[in-house]
Structure formats: structure tokens, C-alpha cells
Amino acid sequence: MAAQPLDEAQVRDDLPAGWTLEGDRIQRRFSFPDFGAAMAYMVRVAFVCEAMNHHPNWSNVYSTLDVQLTTHDAGGVTRLDLDLANRMNALFG
């Protein structure tokens, strides 16, 4: 069964710290001391994403990582997006 999009209230109730809801996606900016720290974090997250079979839209510029999560085939934010956001927060520490 395909993931079902959550309504706005459900997303806001369970939105992990640091994340915001913007339309059909959640997003967060992560800041690191330098480029190496940002890249190391992205590699750690990449393994989690592969295991979950769920991949972020992200952009890295030096020590900043901008992340957007949405479940494209569901047309919005699903529990999978919130789970990945929580895992990303845990890895960020």
C-alpha cells in the first residue's frame, strides 16, 4: 500500500525540532563548522536514506545543508518524511 499524505495538523503535531512545513514538504537548514563536517553528515544520512528507500532533496554550500522532504508519489508529507527528519536530527546531535 502506498504511503498516504498527512494533513497539515498531523504534520504540525509531529514536526521534529528545527523543521518547518512549507506547502507539500518539510524543510530544515543544517549548519556545520566546515565543509568536511557537512559532507561527513551527508554520507551518514545517505546510508539511512538507502536503508529506508527514501531520499531527500538537498543542497550543500560549504558548511550549510538545506534539506526538503516530501513523498512525491503520495503528493505530500507522509510518516516516512517525519521518520527521516527525526533520524536526520538524531544524527545531527
Protein backbone atom coordinates (compact mmCIF):
# COMPACT_ATOMS: atom_id res chain seq x y z
CA MET A 1 0.00 0.00 0.00
CA ALA A 2 1.33 3.44 -0.93
CA ALA A 3 2.11 5.99 1.76
CA GLN A 4 -0.76 8.38 2.50
CA PRO A 5 -0.14 12.12 2.83
CA LEU A 6 -0.76 13.58 6.27
CA ASP A 7 -2.94 16.63 6.72
CA GLU A 8 -1.40 19.90 7.89
CA ALA A 9 -2.48 19.42 11.52
CA GLN A 10 -0.92 15.94 11.66
CA VAL A 11 2.35 17.23 10.23
CA ARG A 12 2.49 20.20 12.59
CA ASP A 13 1.71 17.99 15.61
CA ASP A 14 4.63 15.65 14.84
CA LEU A 15 7.07 18.07 13.19
CA PRO A 16 10.58 17.41 14.52
CA ALA A 17 12.55 20.24 16.14
CA GLY A 18 14.10 22.65 13.66
CA TRP A 19 11.87 21.63 10.74
CA THR A 20 9.18 23.79 9.12
CA LEU A 21 6.24 22.90 6.93
CA GLU A 22 6.29 24.68 3.56
CA GLY A 23 3.46 23.64 1.25
CA ASP A 24 3.76 19.95 0.44
CA ARG A 25 7.15 19.49 2.12
CA ILE A 26 9.08 19.90 5.33
CA GLN A 27 12.44 21.60 5.35
CA ARG A 28 15.40 22.42 7.53
CA ARG A 29 18.78 24.11 7.25
CA PHE A 30 21.70 22.39 8.99
CA SER A 31 24.89 24.36 9.71
CA PHE A 32 28.28 22.80 10.35
CA PRO A 33 31.70 24.10 11.37
CA ASP A 34 33.16 23.43 7.91
CA PHE A 35 32.72 21.64 4.60
CA GLY A 36 34.20 18.35 5.85
CA ALA A 37 31.71 18.13 8.71
CA ALA A 38 28.82 18.83 6.34
CA MET A 39 29.97 16.14 3.92
CA ALA A 40 30.53 13.59 6.69
CA TYR A 41 26.98 14.18 7.91
CA MET A 42 25.59 13.81 4.39
CA VAL A 43 27.36 10.46 3.98
CA ARG A 44 25.92 9.19 7.29
CA VAL A 45 22.44 10.31 6.23
CA ALA A 46 22.85 8.73 2.80
CA PHE A 47 23.16 5.27 4.37
CA VAL A 48 19.97 5.84 6.37
CA CYS A 49 18.17 7.04 3.23
CA GLU A 50 19.22 3.95 1.30
CA ALA A 51 18.02 1.67 4.09
CA MET A 52 14.68 3.48 4.18
CA ASN A 53 14.46 3.74 0.37
CA HIS A 54 13.55 7.39 0.86
CA HIS A 55 15.74 10.19 -0.44
CA PRO A 56 15.82 13.90 0.34
CA ASN A 57 16.06 16.88 -1.93
CA TRP A 58 19.15 18.58 -0.56
CA SER A 59 21.68 21.20 -1.42
CA ASN A 60 25.08 21.79 0.12
CA VAL A 61 27.08 25.01 0.00
CA TYR A 62 30.29 24.81 2.04
CA SER A 63 29.13 24.35 5.66
CA THR A 64 25.37 24.63 5.07
CA LEU A 65 22.97 21.87 4.10
CA ASP A 66 19.39 22.67 3.05
CA VAL A 67 17.01 19.71 3.12
CA GLN A 68 13.48 19.28 1.81
CA LEU A 69 11.45 16.14 2.42
CA THR A 70 8.26 15.11 0.66
CA THR A 71 6.87 11.84 -0.64
CA HIS A 72 6.39 12.59 -4.32
CA ASP A 73 4.18 9.60 -5.15
CA ALA A 74 1.86 10.49 -2.23
CA GLY A 75 1.73 14.17 -3.15
CA GLY A 76 2.80 15.50 0.24
CA VAL A 77 4.34 14.82 3.62
CA THR A 78 3.95 11.28 4.93
CA ARG A 79 5.04 9.46 8.07
CA LEU A 80 8.15 8.41 6.11
CA ASP A 81 9.24 12.05 5.79
CA LEU A 82 8.77 12.67 9.50
CA ASP A 83 10.69 9.48 10.34
CA LEU A 84 13.61 10.52 8.11
CA ALA A 85 13.59 14.03 9.62
CA ASN A 86 13.79 12.53 13.10
CA ARG A 87 16.67 10.28 12.06
CA MET A 88 18.47 13.25 10.50
CA ASN A 89 18.03 15.22 13.73
CA ALA A 90 19.41 12.29 15.76
CA LEU A 91 22.49 12.06 13.53
CA PHE A 92 22.98 15.82 13.76
CA GLY A 93 23.02 15.50 17.53
